Structure formats: structure tokens, C-alpha cells
C-alpha atoms as a PDB file:
ATOM      1  CA  MET A   1      20.991  47.160  23.817  1.00  0.00           C
ATOM      2  CA  SER A   2      20.024  47.499  20.143  1.00  0.00           C
ATOM      3  CA  LEU A   3      17.453  45.451  18.279  1.00  0.00           C
ATOM      4  CA  ASP A   4      20.222  43.720  16.346  1.00  0.00           C
ATOM      5  CA  ASP A   5      21.942  42.759  19.586  1.00  0.00           C
ATOM      6  CA  PHE A   6      18.664  41.454  20.926  1.00  0.00           C
ATOM      7  CA  GLY A   7      18.091  39.447  17.735  1.00  0.00           C
ATOM      8  CA  ALA A   8      21.537  37.928  18.035  1.00  0.00           C
ATOM      9  CA  ALA A   9      20.671  36.905  21.584  1.00  0.00           C
ATOM     10  CA  LEU A  10      17.553  35.001  20.542  1.00  0.00           C
ATOM     11  CA  PRO A  11      17.966  31.282  21.193  1.00  0.00           C
ATOM     12  CA  ARG A  12      18.665  29.233  18.088  1.00  0.00           C
ATOM     13  CA  ALA A  13      17.189  25.784  17.697  1.00  0.00           C
ATOM     14  CA  LYS A  14      19.688  22.957  17.512  1.00  0.00           C
ATOM     15  CA  ALA A  15      19.794  21.107  14.210  1.00  0.00           C
ATOM     16  CA  ASP A  16      17.484  18.096  14.435  1.00  0.00           C
ATOM     17  CA  ILE A  17      16.800  16.521  11.063  1.00  0.00           C
ATOM     18  CA  LEU A  18      15.218  13.227  12.155  1.00  0.00           C
ATOM     19  CA  PRO A  19      11.654  14.612  12.470  1.00  0.00           C
ATOM     20  CA  ALA A  20      12.021  16.276   9.048  1.00  0.00           C
ATOM     21  CA  LEU A  21      12.848  12.883   7.556  1.00  0.00           C
ATOM     22  CA  THR A  22       9.693  11.175   8.877  1.00  0.00           C
ATOM     23  CA  PRO A  23       7.613  11.819   5.700  1.00  0.00           C
ATOM     24  CA  LEU A  24      10.407  10.275   3.616  1.00  0.00           C
ATOM     25  CA  LEU A  25      10.607   7.286   5.970  1.00  0.00           C
ATOM     26  CA  VAL A  26       6.828   6.823   5.747  1.00  0.00           C
ATOM     27  CA  ALA A  27       7.033   6.902   1.940  1.00  0.00           C
ATOM     28  CA  LEU A  28       9.865   4.342   1.921  1.00  0.00           C
ATOM     29  CA  VAL A  29       7.868   2.006   4.151  1.00  0.00           C
ATOM     30  CA  ALA A  30       4.687   2.435   2.087  1.00  0.00           C
ATOM     31  CA  ALA A  31       6.319   1.917  -1.336  1.00  0.00           C
ATOM     32  CA  PRO A  32       6.792  -1.870  -1.123  1.00  0.00           C
ATOM     33  CA  LEU A  33       3.379  -2.322   0.513  1.00  0.00           C
ATOM     34  CA  ILE A  34       1.649  -0.487  -2.341  1.00  0.00           C
ATOM     35  CA  GLY A  35       3.611  -2.478  -4.899  1.00  0.00           C
ATOM     36  CA  SER A  36       2.664  -0.615  -8.068  1.00  0.00           C
ATOM     37  CA  ALA A  37       5.065   2.232  -8.875  1.00  0.00           C
ATOM     38  CA  SER A  38       2.375   4.218 -10.698  1.00  0.00           C
ATOM     39  CA  SER A  39      -0.024   3.939  -7.755  1.00  0.00           C
ATOM     40  CA  PHE A  40       2.740   4.991  -5.365  1.00  0.00           C
ATOM     41  CA  VAL A  41       3.597   8.080  -7.442  1.00  0.00           C
ATOM     42  CA  THR A  42      -0.081   9.050  -7.752  1.00  0.00           C
ATOM     43  CA  LEU A  43      -0.742   8.589  -4.033  1.00  0.00           C
ATOM     44  CA  THR A  44       2.419  10.470  -3.050  1.00  0.00           C
ATOM     45  CA  ALA A  45       1.587  13.401  -5.328  1.00  0.00           C
ATOM     46  CA  ALA A  46      -1.940  13.480  -3.918  1.00  0.00           C
ATOM     47  CA  GLY A  47      -0.557  13.373  -0.384  1.00  0.00           C
ATOM     48  CA  LEU A  48       1.873  16.230  -1.011  1.00  0.00           C
ATOM     49  CA  ALA A  49      -0.887  18.400  -2.505  1.00  0.00           C
ATOM     50  CA  MET A  50      -3.234  17.637   0.366  1.00  0.00           C
ATOM     51  CA  GLY A  51      -0.428  18.325   2.827  1.00  0.00           C
ATOM     52  CA  MET A  52       0.313  21.733   1.296  1.00  0.00           C
ATOM     53  CA  MET A  53      -3.345  22.756   1.510  1.00  0.00           C
ATOM     54  CA  ILE A  54      -3.613  21.609   5.119  1.00  0.00           C
ATOM     55  CA  PHE A  55      -0.365  23.413   5.929  1.00  0.00           C
ATOM     56  CA  VAL A  56      -1.663  26.717   4.540  1.00  0.00           C
ATOM     57  CA  MET A  57      -4.759  26.448   6.740  1.00  0.00           C
ATOM     58  CA  ALA A  58      -2.958  25.177   9.844  1.00  0.00           C
ATOM     59  CA  SER A  59      -0.066  27.656   9.585  1.00  0.00           C
ATOM     60  CA  GLY A  60      -2.399  30.516  10.462  1.00  0.00           C
ATOM     61  CA  LEU A  61      -3.503  28.635  13.548  1.00  0.00           C
ATOM     62  CA  THR A  62       0.037  27.871  14.671  1.00  0.00           C
ATOM     63  CA  LEU A  63       1.074  31.500  14.068  1.00  0.00           C
ATOM     64  CA  ALA A  64      -1.649  32.740  16.417  1.00  0.00           C
ATOM     65  CA  PHE A  65      -0.531  30.362  19.139  1.00  0.00           C
ATOM     66  CA  GLY A  66       3.216  30.565  18.617  1.00  0.00           C
ATOM     67  CA  MET A  67       3.397  34.345  18.322  1.00  0.00           C
ATOM     68  CA  MET A  68       0.410  35.508  20.393  1.00  0.00           C
ATOM     69  CA  ASP A  69      -0.283  32.567  22.743  1.00  0.00           C
ATOM     70  CA  VAL A  70      -3.889  32.516  21.467  1.00  0.00           C
ATOM     71  CA  LEU A  71      -5.879  29.305  21.063  1.00  0.00           C
ATOM     72  CA  ASN A  72      -8.253  30.281  18.266  1.00  0.00           C
ATOM     73  CA  PHE A  73     -11.050  27.750  17.876  1.00  0.00           C
ATOM     74  CA  GLY A  74     -12.755  30.185  15.511  1.00  0.00           C
ATOM     75  CA  HIS A  75     -10.086  29.580  12.869  1.00  0.00           C
ATOM     76  CA  GLY A  76     -12.387  27.308  10.864  1.00  0.00           C
ATOM     77  CA  ALA A  77     -14.791  30.182  10.187  1.00  0.00           C
ATOM     78  CA  PHE A  78     -12.099  31.970   8.170  1.00  0.00           C
ATOM     79  CA  ILE A  79     -11.518  28.817   6.094  1.00  0.00           C
ATOM     80  CA  SER A  80     -15.202  28.774   5.139  1.00  0.00           C
ATOM     81  CA  LEU A  81     -15.233  32.531   4.594  1.00  0.00           C
ATOM     82  CA  GLY A  82     -12.339  32.355   2.139  1.00  0.00           C
ATOM     83  CA  ALA A  83     -14.092  29.618   0.173  1.00  0.00           C
ATOM     84  CA  TYR A  84     -17.302  31.661  -0.076  1.00  0.00           C
ATOM     85  CA  VAL A  85     -15.390  34.759  -1.172  1.00  0.00           C
ATOM     86  CA  ALA A  86     -13.887  32.661  -3.974  1.00  0.00           C
ATOM     87  CA  THR A  87     -17.372  31.732  -5.191  1.00  0.00           C
ATOM     88  CA  LEU A  88     -18.252  35.438  -5.368  1.00  0.00           C
ATOM     89  CA  VAL A  89     -15.241  35.927  -7.653  1.00  0.00           C
ATOM     90  CA  PHE A  90     -15.783  32.802  -9.770  1.00  0.00           C
ATOM     91  CA  LEU A  91     -19.520  33.233 -10.467  1.00  0.00           C
ATOM     92  CA  PRO A  92     -19.399  36.569 -12.348  1.00  0.00           C
ATOM     93  CA  LEU A  93     -16.227  35.479 -14.164  1.00  0.00           C
ATOM     94  CA  ALA A  94     -17.470  32.031 -15.188  1.00  0.00           C
ATOM     95  CA  ASN A  95     -16.344  32.658 -18.775  1.00  0.00           C
ATOM     96  CA  TRP A  96     -12.748  32.977 -17.578  1.00  0.00           C
ATOM     97  CA  ALA A  97     -13.041  29.628 -15.801  1.00  0.00           C
ATOM     98  CA  SER A  98     -14.516  27.785 -18.777  1.00  0.00           C
ATOM     99  CA  VAL A  99     -11.901  28.937 -21.302  1.00  0.00           C
ATOM    100  CA  ASP A 100      -8.882  26.634 -21.573  1.00  0.00           C
ATOM    101  CA  SER A 101      -6.374  29.486 -21.236  1.00  0.00           C
ATOM    102  CA  TRP A 102      -3.586  29.426 -18.662  1.00  0.00           C
ATOM    103  CA  PRO A 103      -3.270  33.249 -18.451  1.00  0.00           C
ATOM    104  CA  LEU A 104      -7.012  33.770 -17.891  1.00  0.00           C
ATOM    105  CA  ASN A 105      -7.305  30.837 -15.521  1.00  0.00           C
ATOM    106  CA  LEU A 106      -4.291  31.954 -13.485  1.00  0.00           C
ATOM    107  CA  ALA A 107      -5.674  35.491 -13.368  1.00  0.00           C
ATOM    108  CA  LEU A 108      -9.015  34.177 -12.105  1.00  0.00           C
ATOM    109  CA  LEU A 109      -7.351  32.026  -9.445  1.00  0.00           C
ATOM    110  CA  GLY A 110      -5.144  34.954  -8.428  1.00  0.00           C
ATOM    111  CA  LEU A 111      -8.157  37.252  -8.064  1.00  0.00           C
ATOM    112  CA  ALA A 112     -10.010  34.657  -5.980  1.00  0.00           C
ATOM    113  CA  LEU A 113      -7.010  34.096  -3.710  1.00  0.00           C
ATOM    114  CA  ALA A 114      -6.353  37.834  -3.329  1.00  0.00           C
ATOM    115  CA  ALA A 115     -10.001  38.557  -2.500  1.00  0.00           C
ATOM    116  CA  ALA A 116     -10.112  35.737   0.053  1.00  0.00           C
ATOM    117  CA  ILE A 117      -6.889  36.957   1.694  1.00  0.00           C
ATOM    118  CA  VAL A 118      -8.077  40.573   1.961  1.00  0.00           C
ATOM    119  CA  VAL A 119     -11.588  39.792   3.220  1.00  0.00           C
ATOM    120  CA  SER A 120     -10.376  37.163   5.701  1.00  0.00           C
ATOM    121  CA  ALA A 121      -7.715  39.530   7.053  1.00  0.00           C
ATOM    122  CA  ILE A 122     -10.254  42.337   7.570  1.00  0.00           C
ATOM    123  CA  VAL A 123     -12.768  40.036   9.263  1.00  0.00           C
ATOM    124  CA  GLY A 124      -9.870  38.620  11.306  1.00  0.00           C
ATOM    125  CA  LEU A 125      -9.102  42.119  12.571  1.00  0.00           C
ATOM    126  CA  ILE A 126     -12.730  42.570  13.660  1.00  0.00           C
ATOM    127  CA  PHE A 127     -12.781  39.110  15.273  1.00  0.00           C
ATOM    128  CA  GLU A 128      -9.552  39.815  17.148  1.00  0.00           C
ATOM    129  CA  ARG A 129     -10.773  43.168  18.457  1.00  0.00           C
ATOM    130  CA  LEU A 130     -14.205  41.905  19.545  1.00  0.00           C
ATOM    131  CA  VAL A 131     -13.578  38.321  20.651  1.00  0.00           C
ATOM    132  CA  VAL A 132      -9.874  37.735  21.313  1.00  0.00           C
ATOM    133  CA  VAL A 133      -8.699  40.969  22.970  1.00  0.00           C
ATOM    134  CA  PRO A 134     -10.927  40.583  26.073  1.00  0.00           C
ATOM    135  CA  VAL A 135      -9.504  37.106  26.770  1.00  0.00           C
ATOM    136  CA  TYR A 136      -5.771  37.566  26.105  1.00  0.00           C
ATOM    137  CA  GLY A 137      -3.694  35.371  28.424  1.00  0.00           C
ATOM    138  CA  GLN A 138      -6.699  33.272  29.526  1.00  0.00           C
ATOM    139  CA  HIS A 139      -6.690  30.015  27.589  1.00  0.00           C
ATOM    140  CA  LEU A 140      -9.938  28.583  28.921  1.00  0.00           C
ATOM    141  CA  LYS A 141     -11.813  31.792  28.164  1.00  0.00           C
ATOM    142  CA  GLN A 142     -10.125  31.945  24.758  1.00  0.00           C
ATOM    143  CA  ILE A 143     -11.455  28.493  23.917  1.00  0.00           C
ATOM    144  CA  LEU A 144     -14.987  29.345  25.016  1.00  0.00           C
ATOM    145  CA  ALA A 145     -15.019  32.787  23.372  1.00  0.00           C
ATOM    146  CA  THR A 146     -13.581  31.651  20.033  1.00  0.00           C
ATOM    147  CA  ILE A 147     -15.860  28.604  19.861  1.00  0.00           C
ATOM    148  CA  GLY A 148     -18.803  30.929  20.446  1.00  0.00           C
ATOM    149  CA  GLY A 149     -17.507  33.294  17.762  1.00  0.00           C
ATOM    150  CA  SER A 150     -17.104  30.371  15.374  1.00  0.00           C
ATOM    151  CA  ILE A 151     -20.705  29.260  15.901  1.00  0.00           C
ATOM    152  CA  VAL A 152     -21.993  32.784  15.271  1.00  0.00           C
ATOM    153  CA  ALA A 153     -19.833  33.130  12.142  1.00  0.00           C
ATOM    154  CA  GLU A 154     -20.998  29.780  10.748  1.00  0.00           C
ATOM    155  CA  GLN A 155     -24.646  30.701  11.245  1.00  0.00           C
ATOM    156  CA  LEU A 156     -24.043  34.057   9.547  1.00  0.00           C
ATOM    157  CA  LEU A 157     -22.583  32.229   6.546  1.00  0.00           C
ATOM    158  CA  TYR A 158     -25.663  29.993   6.431  1.00  0.00           C
ATOM    159  CA  ALA A 159     -27.872  33.085   6.564  1.00  0.00           C
ATOM    160  CA  LEU A 160     -25.951  34.853   3.784  1.00  0.00           C
ATOM    161  CA  PHE A 161     -25.329  31.952   1.407  1.00  0.00           C
ATOM    162  CA  GLY A 162     -27.960  29.385   2.342  1.00  0.00           C
ATOM    163  CA  PRO A 163     -27.633  25.810   3.638  1.00  0.00           C
ATOM    164  CA  ASP A 164     -26.971  24.157   0.265  1.00  0.00           C
ATOM    165  CA  GLN A 165     -23.526  23.265  -0.998  1.00  0.00           C
ATOM    166  CA  ILE A 166     -22.172  25.488  -3.777  1.00  0.00           C
ATOM    167  CA  ALA A 167     -20.216  23.884  -6.613  1.00  0.00           C
ATOM    168  CA  LEU A 168     -16.781  25.405  -7.224  1.00  0.00           C
ATOM    169  CA  ALA A 169     -14.761  23.639  -9.917  1.00  0.00           C
ATOM    170  CA  PRO A 170     -11.172  24.564 -10.804  1.00  0.00           C
ATOM    171  CA  PRO A 171     -10.646  26.589 -14.008  1.00  0.00           C
ATOM    172  CA  ALA A 172     -10.454  24.576 -17.226  1.00  0.00           C
ATOM    173  CA  SER A 173      -6.645  24.622 -17.489  1.00  0.00           C
ATOM    174  CA  PHE A 174      -6.314  23.065 -14.029  1.00  0.00           C
ATOM    175  CA  ARG A 175      -8.578  20.103 -14.761  1.00  0.00           C
ATOM    176  CA  GLY A 176      -7.319  16.769 -15.985  1.00  0.00           C
ATOM    177  CA  ALA A 177      -3.949  15.244 -15.184  1.00  0.00           C
ATOM    178  CA  PHE A 178      -0.345  15.054 -16.248  1.00  0.00           C
ATOM    179  CA  VAL A 179       0.401  11.468 -17.305  1.00  0.00           C
ATOM    180  CA  ILE A 180       3.900  10.230 -16.502  1.00  0.00           C
ATOM    181  CA  GLY A 181       4.209   6.640 -17.659  1.00  0.00           C
ATOM    182  CA  ASP A 182       1.329   4.838 -15.948  1.00  0.00           C
ATOM    183  CA  ALA A 183       1.019   7.446 -13.207  1.00  0.00           C
ATOM    184  CA  ALA A 184      -1.505  10.284 -13.370  1.00  0.00           C
ATOM    185  CA  ILE A 185      -0.977  13.490 -11.378  1.00  0.00           C
ATOM    186  CA  GLU A 186      -3.863  15.937 -11.362  1.00  0.00           C
ATOM    187  CA  LYS A 187      -2.949  19.397 -12.648  1.00  0.00           C
ATOM    188  CA  TYR A 188      -4.722  21.194  -9.828  1.00  0.00           C
ATOM    189  CA  ARG A 189      -2.751  19.227  -7.240  1.00  0.00           C
ATOM    190  CA  VAL A 190       0.478  20.455  -8.813  1.00  0.00           C
ATOM    191  CA  VAL A 191      -0.777  24.048  -8.607  1.00  0.00           C
ATOM    192  CA  ALA A 192      -1.870  23.605  -4.975  1.00  0.00           C
ATOM    193  CA  THR A 193       1.502  22.078  -4.078  1.00  0.00           C
ATOM    194  CA  ALA A 194       3.338  25.008  -5.653  1.00  0.00           C
ATOM    195  CA  ILE A 195       1.205  27.555  -3.768  1.00  0.00           C
ATOM    196  CA  GLY A 196       1.763  25.726  -0.484  1.00  0.00           C
ATOM    197  CA  LEU A 197       5.531  25.684  -0.994  1.00  0.00           C
ATOM    198  CA  VAL A 198       5.525  29.415  -1.806  1.00  0.00           C
ATOM    199  CA  VAL A 199       3.587  30.105   1.416  1.00  0.00           C
ATOM    200  CA  PHE A 200       6.022  28.002   3.455  1.00  0.00           C
ATOM    201  CA  VAL A 201       9.096  29.686   2.001  1.00  0.00           C
ATOM    202  CA  GLY A 202       7.507  33.120   2.385  1.00  0.00           C
ATOM    203  CA  LEU A 203       6.603  32.533   6.043  1.00  0.00           C
ATOM    204  CA  THR A 204      10.029  31.126   6.838  1.00  0.00           C
ATOM    205  CA  LEU A 205      11.826  34.065   5.250  1.00  0.00           C
ATOM    206  CA  ALA A 206       9.470  36.611   6.799  1.00  0.00           C
ATOM    207  CA  LEU A 207       9.919  35.257  10.310  1.00  0.00           C
ATOM    208  CA  ASN A 208      13.665  34.672  10.098  1.00  0.00           C
ATOM    209  CA  ARG A 209      15.069  37.178   7.599  1.00  0.00           C
ATOM    210  CA  THR A 210      13.051  40.376   8.012  1.00  0.00           C
ATOM    211  CA  LYS A 211      12.952  43.097  10.643  1.00  0.00           C
ATOM    212  CA  ILE A 212       9.236  42.506  11.242  1.00  0.00           C
ATOM    213  CA  GLY A 213       9.869  38.814  11.817  1.00  0.00           C
ATOM    214  CA  LEU A 214      12.723  39.609  14.191  1.00  0.00           C
ATOM    215  CA  LEU A 215      10.516  42.001  16.162  1.00  0.00           C
ATOM    216  CA  ILE A 216       7.732  39.436  16.420  1.00  0.00           C
ATOM    217  CA  ARG A 217      10.058  36.663  17.581  1.00  0.00           C
ATOM    218  CA  ALA A 218      11.781  39.036  19.979  1.00  0.00           C
ATOM    219  CA  GLY A 219       8.385  40.089  21.347  1.00  0.00           C
ATOM    220  CA  VAL A 220       7.539  36.465  22.039  1.00  0.00           C
ATOM    221  CA  GLN A 221      10.791  35.974  23.955  1.00  0.00           C
ATOM    222  CA  ASP A 222      10.842  39.264  25.895  1.00  0.00           C
ATOM    223  CA  ARG A 223       7.948  41.611  25.248  1.00  0.00           C
ATOM    224  CA  GLU A 224       8.964  44.202  27.835  1.00  0.00           C
ATOM    225  CA  MET A 225      12.447  44.615  26.380  1.00  0.00           C
ATOM    226  CA  VAL A 226      11.160  45.138  22.830  1.00  0.00           C
ATOM    227  CA  GLU A 227       8.576  47.664  24.015  1.00  0.00           C
ATOM    228  CA  ALA A 228      11.337  49.468  25.925  1.00  0.00           C
ATOM    229  CA  LEU A 229      13.113  49.890  22.589  1.00  0.00           C
ATOM    230  CA  GLY A 230      10.088  51.834  21.316  1.00  0.00           C
ATOM    231  CA  TYR A 231       8.227  49.178  19.305  1.00  0.00           C
ATOM    232  CA  ARG A 232       4.488  48.524  19.650  1.00  0.00           C
ATOM    233  CA  ILE A 233       4.186  44.754  20.041  1.00  0.00           C
ATOM    234  CA  ASP A 234       0.393  44.961  20.255  1.00  0.00           C
ATOM    235  CA  ARG A 235       0.193  46.280  16.710  1.00  0.00           C
ATOM    236  CA  LEU A 236       2.532  43.587  15.444  1.00  0.00           C
ATOM    237  CA  PHE A 237       0.462  40.881  17.119  1.00  0.00           C
ATOM    238  CA  VAL A 238      -2.705  42.251  15.504  1.00  0.00           C
ATOM    239  CA  GLY A 239      -0.902  41.919  12.180  1.00  0.00           C
ATOM    240  CA  VAL A 240       0.012  38.330  13.049  1.00  0.00           C
ATOM    241  CA  PHE A 241      -3.638  37.481  13.761  1.00  0.00           C
ATOM    242  CA  MET A 242      -4.723  39.103  10.505  1.00  0.00           C
ATOM    243  CA  ALA A 243      -2.048  37.129   8.638  1.00  0.00           C
ATOM    244  CA  GLY A 244      -3.257  33.909  10.265  1.00  0.00           C
ATOM    245  CA  SER A 245      -6.839  34.673   9.251  1.00  0.00           C
ATOM    246  CA  ALA A 246      -5.708  35.484   5.710  1.00  0.00           C
ATOM    247  CA  LEU A 247      -3.874  32.154   5.480  1.00  0.00           C
ATOM    248  CA  ALA A 248      -7.022  30.368   6.630  1.00  0.00           C
ATOM    249  CA  GLY A 249      -8.997  32.097   3.872  1.00  0.00           C
ATOM    250  CA  LEU A 250      -6.317  31.217   1.317  1.00  0.00           C
ATOM    251  CA  GLY A 251      -6.382  27.584   2.415  1.00  0.00           C
ATOM    252  CA  GLY A 252     -10.173  27.589   2.243  1.00  0.00           C
ATOM    253  CA  VAL A 253     -10.066  28.564  -1.438  1.00  0.00           C
ATOM    254  CA  LEU A 254      -7.515  25.854  -2.248  1.00  0.00           C
ATOM    255  CA  TRP A 255      -9.496  23.193  -0.385  1.00  0.00           C
ATOM    256  CA  ALA A 256     -12.849  24.216  -1.909  1.00  0.00           C
ATOM    257  CA  LEU A 257     -11.412  23.942  -5.420  1.00  0.00           C
ATOM    258  CA  TYR A 258      -9.876  20.595  -4.452  1.00  0.00           C
ATOM    259  CA  ARG A 259     -13.225  19.242  -3.213  1.00  0.00           C
ATOM    260  CA  GLU A 260     -15.164  21.259  -5.803  1.00  0.00           C
ATOM    261  CA  GLN A 261     -17.742  22.373  -3.260  1.00  0.00           C
ATOM    262  CA  VAL A 262     -18.302  25.009  -0.590  1.00  0.00           C
ATOM    263  CA  HIS A 263     -20.449  24.840   2.549  1.00  0.00           C
ATOM    264  CA  ALA A 264     -20.497  26.770   5.809  1.00  0.00           C
ATOM    265  CA  SER A 265     -19.434  23.863   8.024  1.00  0.00           C
ATOM    266  CA  MET A 266     -16.350  22.924   5.986  1.00  0.00           C
ATOM    267  CA  GLY A 267     -14.095  25.064   8.170  1.00  0.00           C
ATOM    268  CA  GLY A 268     -15.274  23.405  11.362  1.00  0.00           C
ATOM    269  CA  GLU A 269     -14.632  19.974   9.859  1.00  0.00           C
ATOM    270  CA  LEU A 270     -11.122  20.948   8.797  1.00  0.00           C
ATOM    271  CA  LEU A 271     -10.313  22.595  12.136  1.00  0.00           C
ATOM    272  CA  VAL A 272      -9.911  19.197  13.795  1.00  0.00           C
ATOM    273  CA  LEU A 273      -7.374  18.201  11.141  1.00  0.00           C
ATOM    274  CA  CYS A 274      -5.541  21.506  11.582  1.00  0.00           C
ATOM    275  CA  PHE A 275      -5.229  20.936  15.331  1.00  0.00           C
ATOM    276  CA  ILE A 276      -3.899  17.422  14.760  1.00  0.00           C
ATOM    277  CA  VAL A 277      -1.267  18.857  12.412  1.00  0.00           C
ATOM    278  CA  ILE A 278      -0.045  21.543  14.817  1.00  0.00           C
ATOM    279  CA  ILE A 279       0.017  19.085  17.730  1.00  0.00           C
ATOM    280  CA  VAL A 280       2.044  16.609  15.665  1.00  0.00           C
ATOM    281  CA  GLY A 281       4.356  19.359  14.393  1.00  0.00           C
ATOM    282  CA  GLY A 282       4.728  21.133  17.726  1.00  0.00           C
ATOM    283  CA  LEU A 283       2.505  23.963  18.923  1.00  0.00           C
ATOM    284  CA  GLY A 284       3.585  27.299  17.484  1.00  0.00           C
ATOM    285  CA  SER A 285       6.195  25.948  15.053  1.00  0.00           C
ATOM    286  CA  VAL A 286       5.781  26.828  11.363  1.00  0.00           C
ATOM    287  CA  GLY A 287       8.411  24.287  10.311  1.00  0.00           C
ATOM    288  CA  GLY A 288       6.815  21.630  12.498  1.00  0.00           C
ATOM    289  CA  CYS A 289       3.425  22.491  11.037  1.00  0.00           C
ATOM    290  CA  PHE A 290       4.808  21.950   7.523  1.00  0.00           C
ATOM    291  CA  ILE A 291       6.299  18.550   8.370  1.00  0.00           C
ATOM    292  CA  GLY A 292       3.182  17.560  10.319  1.00  0.00           C
ATOM    293  CA  ALA A 293       0.857  18.475   7.445  1.00  0.00           C
ATOM    294  CA  VAL A 294       2.857  16.466   4.907  1.00  0.00           C
ATOM    295  CA  LEU A 295       3.085  13.519   7.293  1.00  0.00           C
ATOM    296  CA  VAL A 296      -0.649  13.533   8.066  1.00  0.00           C
ATOM    297  CA  ALA A 297      -1.607  13.790   4.392  1.00  0.00           C
ATOM    298  CA  LEU A 298       0.767  11.063   3.188  1.00  0.00           C
ATOM    299  CA  ILE A 299      -0.397   8.614   5.852  1.00  0.00           C
ATOM    300  CA  ASP A 300      -4.035   9.443   5.081  1.00  0.00           C
ATOM    301  CA  ASN A 301      -3.542   8.688   1.378  1.00  0.00           C
ATOM    302  CA  TYR A 302      -1.432   5.571   1.902  1.00  0.00           C
ATOM    303  CA  ALA A 303      -3.809   4.194   4.545  1.00  0.00           C
ATOM    304  CA  GLY A 304      -6.818   4.974   2.349  1.00  0.00           C
ATOM    305  CA  PHE A 305      -5.293   2.800  -0.378  1.00  0.00           C
ATOM    306  CA  LEU A 306      -3.946  -0.030   1.790  1.00  0.00           C
ATOM    307  CA  ALA A 307      -6.603  -0.218   4.531  1.00  0.00           C
ATOM    308  CA  PRO A 308      -9.611   2.074   3.896  1.00  0.00           C
ATOM    309  CA  LYS A 309     -11.163   1.345   7.295  1.00  0.00           C
ATOM    310  CA  LEU A 310      -7.930   2.247   9.053  1.00  0.00           C
ATOM    311  CA  ALA A 311      -7.759   5.559   7.169  1.00  0.00           C
ATOM    312  CA  LEU A 312     -10.578   6.926   9.329  1.00  0.00           C
ATOM    313  CA  VAL A 313      -8.396   6.797  12.434  1.00  0.00           C
ATOM    314  CA  SER A 314      -4.927   7.004  10.855  1.00  0.00           C
ATOM    315  CA  ASN A 315      -4.431  10.645  11.875  1.00  0.00           C
ATOM    316  CA  ILE A 316      -5.332   9.955  15.491  1.00  0.00           C
ATOM    317  CA  LEU A 317      -2.975   6.971  15.583  1.00  0.00           C
ATOM    318  CA  LEU A 318      -0.221   9.126  14.067  1.00  0.00           C
ATOM    319  CA  MET A 319      -0.734  11.810  16.703  1.00  0.00           C
ATOM    320  CA  VAL A 320      -0.579   9.243  19.498  1.00  0.00           C
ATOM    321  CA  ALA A 321       2.599   7.694  18.061  1.00  0.00           C
ATOM    322  CA  VAL A 322       4.336  11.071  17.664  1.00  0.00           C
ATOM    323  CA  LEU A 323       3.398  12.217  21.167  1.00  0.00           C
ATOM    324  CA  LEU A 324       4.693   8.965  22.650  1.00  0.00           C
ATOM    325  CA  TRP A 325       7.978   9.613  20.835  1.00  0.00           C
ATOM    326  CA  ARG A 326       8.094  13.390  21.344  1.00  0.00           C
ATOM    327  CA  PRO A 327       5.504  14.601  23.868  1.00  0.00           C
ATOM    328  CA  ARG A 328       5.752  18.220  22.655  1.00  0.00           C
ATOM    329  CA  GLY A 329       5.558  17.395  18.950  1.00  0.00           C
ATOM    330  CA  LEU A 330       8.208  17.120  16.238  1.00  0.00           C
ATOM    331  CA  TYR A 331       9.510  20.713  16.399  1.00  0.00           C
ATOM    332  CA  PRO A 332       8.072  22.536  19.431  1.00  0.00           C
ATOM    333  CA  LEU A 333       8.934  26.138  20.152  1.00  0.00           C
ATOM    334  CA  SER A 334      11.507  26.486  22.904  1.00  0.00           C
ATOM    335  CA  GLY A 335       9.951  27.493  26.174  1.00  0.00           C
ATOM    336  CA  ARG A 336       6.440  26.352  25.162  1.00  0.00           C
END
């Protein structure tokens, strides 16, 4: 049996578009309640940008679970790490950030993102070898070990960078807003949305259209068979964990520039939101994670405008509603 034959034998998900339409349905319901077209456009654009940033962070978490069956509660540490790495790039190149030049500003952002990806991936490799490997296949021990690793990592960040928040503003070209009629859409949100879409398309193509993606998915379905064909699944899974850590670092940079501040506990705060997203989307599903992130962000922005007090619990209410409708999430992996 060849690898191609095995790939052809992988189960294909049946087309189910209703969950994918839920963000659109939410927007259609919210539009008349908001009333003002300009406010609706602004809130929707903000929700999409927020959703893309959350997706980038949560996708690494869902990859680790979907591909490796690892519950990584230390994921938030890589979000914070990526944000701090970005500050180390931005501070010595402050002149690039202050000049209103798209080429220089894009180069600076690219350097910050690349540095965060590389450092987070390397630290992810160390974390996986030291913390995750001893508890493979043991979910309770994984939770305890990764939480402990997260606490240690957070305290190390405090020791290295101090307890104070560090300001991290977007480069000059990304500040301000595009004005369309009466609606204002922040430039940085457009950039963040574009990066999130690129990550989603890249992950989807990598997992479904490349040999590496085929091997990983095949290893999830039948590890013994793939190893019998001569492939080292362990090495591929290490790569998956490193990729998940890199995505967390990438998301940390995007979120820090969005909030214009960095602190060691930011990853832990965002981890709760990431778990809500992957539960809503379906544990282990990249597509479900994407839909879940957009849905969570849109509802958060709409609820914050319509009922600010309700916004504090809107994500929890969404998760409850989705699980009552689909107990395994919008797009769960088959067999999970």
C-alpha cells in the first residue's frame, strides 16, 4: 500500500456549510439592532481583525491537539514570548517605526514577525522535549505539566523584562484609519486581517495539498501504518508542535501591536479565549478554529456596542449555545 493509496483512503468530511454561515447570520441579526450603517461597518471590520488575530493564536493550540493529541496549557507563554521578541526588534529600530514609509514599516513588521516565529519555534522545541514528551498520551498529566511549564515561563519573562508593561505601538504607516463614507476602519486592523487570512490559507493548503500535510493527517489516522512505510511520525509531530508555538508567537506580536502594550501575563489571559475558540470550532479542526474565532470576535464587538455588560460573558454564552446545538463543536475532527 503506497502513501498515495493511503491518502486516498483517508476519510473526507461531508460538506456542511451551515456552521460556516454562522458569522454571516450573526452579522445579519446585528445589523438592524445597531442601526447605523457606519457603526456596523466599523464594528464588523474590528471584529474580523480581532478574529484573525485570535485565530492565529488559537490555531497553534488546535494543531497540537488535532495532530498530536496534546492539551498544551503552556500555549499562552509562547504568545507572551512572541510579543517580547517583537519589542527587542522594535526598540533598536525605532527610527523605522517613526518614519511614515510603507516599505520601512513593512520591513520592520516583517522582521518582528520573523524573529517571533523563529524564537517561539525554538523555545517550543525545548518545551516539547522537556515538558510534553514525558506525558504523551496522558491528558491529566499533560494539563498539570504544561500549566507548571507555563507558570515557570511567565516568571522567567518577568525576571528578564520586569513587571511593568512595555509600550509597543504600530509603525507610523499603520496608524490612523481608512475613512469610507462615515465609517472608519483602522489601518492596522486591515493589516492584521490580511495576515490572519494568509495564515489560514497557508495552513489549509499545507495540511491538505502537501506531502507533509498528508503524512501528518495519515499519522493521526493510523500511525503504525505510516511508520511501516518508513516515515518517522515522531519527527513530524515535533515539527507540528514547533509550528504551533511559532503561530502563538506570531499571534502575540499582532495582539501586542493591537493593544499597544506587552506584559508577561498577556498570554495567560488570552489562553482562555483561545480555548473557547477551539471548543466552539471543534477540537483539532483548523477550519472550525477559523470560524470559531471570527464568530467569537464579532459577537464580542457587537455585544460591546449593544450591551456592554453582556459583552463580559458573551463568549461563554456563545460556547454554551454552540455546544447545545453541536456538542462536539462546529467542525470537530472525525473520530475525536
